[in-house]
Amino acid sequence: MREKRKFIRFNVALKVAYIVQKDPKLEKTGVTKDVSAQGMQLLAGEKLAPGEKLDLKIFIPDALNPAHIKGIVLWSKALEPGKSYTFSAGVDFKKIEEDNKNTFLKFLCDLVYQKTEKRLT
């Protein structure tokens, strides 16, 4: 089967703080299951409905500040009961804030380099 995604996805767990853009605007936390330059799979404790807009803060290892990203939920599904996170959602990135865009993209480039280096050794 041919891959339809434009960007490589990396299975990496990063802490995420997010706010759903509806009232009340409460910050909640989750973790990435995988991430790419275009989107991510977010594990969360609540069901996020397709079409919901999110303000995200993705915490990059060794970065001084989190990456601020605006995204939209594409899909959501329930996970097995008893897990730390009970829902999974696919999030499409709409805008990565300029103040830390380079940090986020460098992090992804480093992951590509690590993956390539492992194949060559």
C-alpha atoms as a PDB file:
ATOM      1  CA  MET A   1       0.000   0.000   0.000  1.00  0.00           C
ATOM      2  CA  ARG A   2       1.294   3.471  -0.887  1.00  0.00           C
ATOM      3  CA  GLU A   3       1.784   6.021   1.908  1.00  0.00           C
ATOM      4  CA  LYS A   4      -0.401   9.109   1.405  1.00  0.00           C
ATOM      5  CA  ARG A   5       1.304  11.325   3.977  1.00  0.00           C
ATOM      6  CA  LYS A   6       3.590  14.098   2.752  1.00  0.00           C
ATOM      7  CA  PHE A   7       5.889  13.990   5.789  1.00  0.00           C
ATOM      8  CA  ILE A   8       7.576  11.230   7.770  1.00  0.00           C
ATOM      9  CA  ARG A   9       5.928  10.495  11.108  1.00  0.00           C
ATOM     10  CA  PHE A  10       8.084   9.780  14.125  1.00  0.00           C
ATOM     11  CA  ASN A  11       6.942   7.680  17.079  1.00  0.00           C
ATOM     12  CA  VAL A  12       7.971  10.070  19.818  1.00  0.00           C
ATOM     13  CA  ALA A  13       6.269  10.957  23.088  1.00  0.00           C
ATOM     14  CA  LEU A  14       6.305  14.706  23.725  1.00  0.00           C
ATOM     15  CA  LYS A  15       4.373  16.515  26.432  1.00  0.00           C
ATOM     16  CA  VAL A  16       1.605  18.706  25.002  1.00  0.00           C
ATOM     17  CA  ALA A  17      -0.479  21.404  26.666  1.00  0.00           C
ATOM     18  CA  TYR A  18      -3.596  22.281  24.694  1.00  0.00           C
ATOM     19  CA  ILE A  19      -6.613  24.537  24.828  1.00  0.00           C
ATOM     20  CA  VAL A  20      -9.772  23.738  22.883  1.00  0.00           C
ATOM     21  CA  GLN A  21     -11.048  26.996  21.375  1.00  0.00           C
ATOM     22  CA  LYS A  22     -14.469  26.985  22.998  1.00  0.00           C
ATOM     23  CA  ASP A  23     -15.721  28.185  26.353  1.00  0.00           C
ATOM     24  CA  PRO A  24     -14.382  27.638  28.934  1.00  0.00           C
ATOM     25  CA  LYS A  25     -10.827  27.767  27.622  1.00  0.00           C
ATOM     26  CA  LEU A  26      -9.096  25.407  30.043  1.00  0.00           C
ATOM     27  CA  GLU A  27      -5.553  24.183  29.446  1.00  0.00           C
ATOM     28  CA  LYS A  28      -5.241  20.417  29.513  1.00  0.00           C
ATOM     29  CA  THR A  29      -2.321  18.095  28.911  1.00  0.00           C
ATOM     30  CA  GLY A  30      -1.631  15.128  26.709  1.00  0.00           C
ATOM     31  CA  VAL A  31       1.235  13.430  24.935  1.00  0.00           C
ATOM     32  CA  THR A  32       2.106  12.791  21.310  1.00  0.00           C
ATOM     33  CA  LYS A  33       2.100   9.250  19.995  1.00  0.00           C
ATOM     34  CA  ASP A  34       3.637  10.334  16.717  1.00  0.00           C
ATOM     35  CA  VAL A  35       4.512  13.668  15.167  1.00  0.00           C
ATOM     36  CA  SER A  36       5.449  15.136  11.778  1.00  0.00           C
ATOM     37  CA  ALA A  37       5.930  18.590  10.274  1.00  0.00           C
ATOM     38  CA  GLN A  38       2.236  18.596   9.316  1.00  0.00           C
ATOM     39  CA  GLY A  39       0.498  17.027  12.288  1.00  0.00           C
ATOM     40  CA  MET A  40       0.472  14.611  15.175  1.00  0.00           C
ATOM     41  CA  GLN A  41      -1.481  11.949  16.982  1.00  0.00           C
ATOM     42  CA  LEU A  42      -2.416  13.294  20.408  1.00  0.00           C
ATOM     43  CA  LEU A  43      -3.257  11.060  23.356  1.00  0.00           C
ATOM     44  CA  ALA A  44      -5.647  12.871  25.694  1.00  0.00           C
ATOM     45  CA  GLY A  45      -7.971  12.297  28.611  1.00  0.00           C
ATOM     46  CA  GLU A  46     -10.994  13.680  26.754  1.00  0.00           C
ATOM     47  CA  LYS A  47     -12.695  13.143  23.423  1.00  0.00           C
ATOM     48  CA  LEU A  48     -11.790  15.881  20.959  1.00  0.00           C
ATOM     49  CA  ALA A  49     -14.369  16.331  18.217  1.00  0.00           C
ATOM     50  CA  PRO A  50     -13.372  16.589  14.550  1.00  0.00           C
ATOM     51  CA  GLY A  51     -13.273  20.225  13.518  1.00  0.00           C
ATOM     52  CA  GLU A  52     -12.326  21.547  16.958  1.00  0.00           C
ATOM     53  CA  LYS A  53      -9.561  24.148  16.868  1.00  0.00           C
ATOM     54  CA  LEU A  54      -6.668  23.783  19.306  1.00  0.00           C
ATOM     55  CA  ASP A  55      -3.926  26.030  20.650  1.00  0.00           C
ATOM     56  CA  LEU A  56      -1.007  23.688  21.311  1.00  0.00           C
ATOM     57  CA  LYS A  57       2.234  23.962  23.227  1.00  0.00           C
ATOM     58  CA  ILE A  58       4.551  21.093  22.331  1.00  0.00           C
ATOM     59  CA  PHE A  59       7.476  20.688  24.699  1.00  0.00           C
ATOM     60  CA  ILE A  60      10.651  19.882  22.760  1.00  0.00           C
ATOM     61  CA  PRO A  61      13.507  18.225  24.707  1.00  0.00           C
ATOM     62  CA  ASP A  62      16.298  20.694  25.574  1.00  0.00           C
ATOM     63  CA  ALA A  63      14.367  23.672  24.121  1.00  0.00           C
ATOM     64  CA  LEU A  64      13.962  26.790  26.244  1.00  0.00           C
ATOM     65  CA  ASN A  65      10.329  27.298  25.194  1.00  0.00           C
ATOM     66  CA  PRO A  66       7.602  25.027  23.833  1.00  0.00           C
ATOM     67  CA  ALA A  67       6.531  25.225  20.188  1.00  0.00           C
ATOM     68  CA  HIS A  68       3.253  27.162  19.890  1.00  0.00           C
ATOM     69  CA  ILE A  69       1.080  25.647  17.178  1.00  0.00           C
ATOM     70  CA  LYS A  70      -2.506  26.120  16.054  1.00  0.00           C
ATOM     71  CA  GLY A  71      -4.187  22.919  14.918  1.00  0.00           C
ATOM     72  CA  ILE A  72      -7.491  21.331  14.034  1.00  0.00           C
ATOM     73  CA  VAL A  73      -8.777  17.898  15.038  1.00  0.00           C
ATOM     74  CA  LEU A  74      -9.286  15.616  12.014  1.00  0.00           C
ATOM     75  CA  TRP A  75     -10.428  12.466  13.819  1.00  0.00           C
ATOM     76  CA  SER A  76     -10.849  11.077  17.334  1.00  0.00           C
ATOM     77  CA  LYS A  77     -11.293   7.607  18.786  1.00  0.00           C
ATOM     78  CA  ALA A  78     -11.555   5.929  22.182  1.00  0.00           C
ATOM     79  CA  LEU A  79      -8.644   3.874  23.504  1.00  0.00           C
ATOM     80  CA  GLU A  80      -8.662   0.858  25.780  1.00  0.00           C
ATOM     81  CA  PRO A  81     -10.112   1.590  29.244  1.00  0.00           C
ATOM     82  CA  GLY A  82      -7.628   1.701  32.091  1.00  0.00           C
ATOM     83  CA  LYS A  83      -4.895   3.510  30.169  1.00  0.00           C
ATOM     84  CA  SER A  84      -3.421   6.872  31.226  1.00  0.00           C
ATOM     85  CA  TYR A  85      -5.049   8.510  28.210  1.00  0.00           C
ATOM     86  CA  THR A  86      -8.500   7.380  27.081  1.00  0.00           C
ATOM     87  CA  PHE A  87      -8.702   9.066  23.660  1.00  0.00           C
ATOM     88  CA  SER A  88      -6.529   9.517  20.600  1.00  0.00           C
ATOM     89  CA  ALA A  89      -6.930  12.340  18.080  1.00  0.00           C
ATOM     90  CA  GLY A  90      -5.337  13.191  14.768  1.00  0.00           C
ATOM     91  CA  VAL A  91      -4.359  16.869  14.695  1.00  0.00           C
ATOM     92  CA  ASP A  92      -3.448  18.795  11.546  1.00  0.00           C
ATOM     93  CA  PHE A  93      -1.096  21.734  12.097  1.00  0.00           C
ATOM     94  CA  LYS A  94      -2.449  24.978  10.639  1.00  0.00           C
ATOM     95  CA  LYS A  95       0.168  27.441  11.893  1.00  0.00           C
ATOM     96  CA  ILE A  96       3.460  27.147  13.746  1.00  0.00           C
ATOM     97  CA  GLU A  97       4.263  30.419  15.523  1.00  0.00           C
ATOM     98  CA  GLU A  98       7.416  32.072  14.188  1.00  0.00           C
ATOM     99  CA  ASP A  99       9.038  32.535  17.619  1.00  0.00           C
ATOM    100  CA  ASN A 100       9.930  28.840  17.859  1.00  0.00           C
ATOM    101  CA  LYS A 101       9.268  27.397  14.405  1.00  0.00           C
ATOM    102  CA  ASN A 102      12.995  26.784  13.870  1.00  0.00           C
ATOM    103  CA  THR A 103      13.284  24.874  17.157  1.00  0.00           C
ATOM    104  CA  PHE A 104      10.417  22.564  16.220  1.00  0.00           C
ATOM    105  CA  LEU A 105      11.627  21.972  12.657  1.00  0.00           C
ATOM    106  CA  LYS A 106      15.227  21.413  13.816  1.00  0.00           C
ATOM    107  CA  PHE A 107      13.933  18.803  16.273  1.00  0.00           C
ATOM    108  CA  LEU A 108      12.196  16.979  13.396  1.00  0.00           C
ATOM    109  CA  CYS A 109      15.320  17.255  11.206  1.00  0.00           C
ATOM    110  CA  ASP A 110      17.396  15.743  14.011  1.00  0.00           C
ATOM    111  CA  LEU A 111      14.940  12.818  14.143  1.00  0.00           C
ATOM    112  CA  VAL A 112      15.339  12.311  10.372  1.00  0.00           C
ATOM    113  CA  TYR A 113      19.122  12.357  10.772  1.00  0.00           C
ATOM    114  CA  GLN A 114      19.009   9.816  13.619  1.00  0.00           C
ATOM    115  CA  LYS A 115      16.751   7.523  11.610  1.00  0.00           C
ATOM    116  CA  THR A 116      19.001   7.776   8.530  1.00  0.00           C
ATOM    117  CA  GLU A 117      22.143   7.208  10.588  1.00  0.00           C
ATOM    118  CA  LYS A 118      20.692   3.999  12.074  1.00  0.00           C
ATOM    119  CA  ARG A 119      19.956   2.641   8.591  1.00  0.00           C
ATOM    120  CA  LEU A 120      23.526   3.281   7.454  1.00  0.00           C
ATOM    121  CA  THR A 121      25.148   1.506  10.393  1.00  0.00           C
END
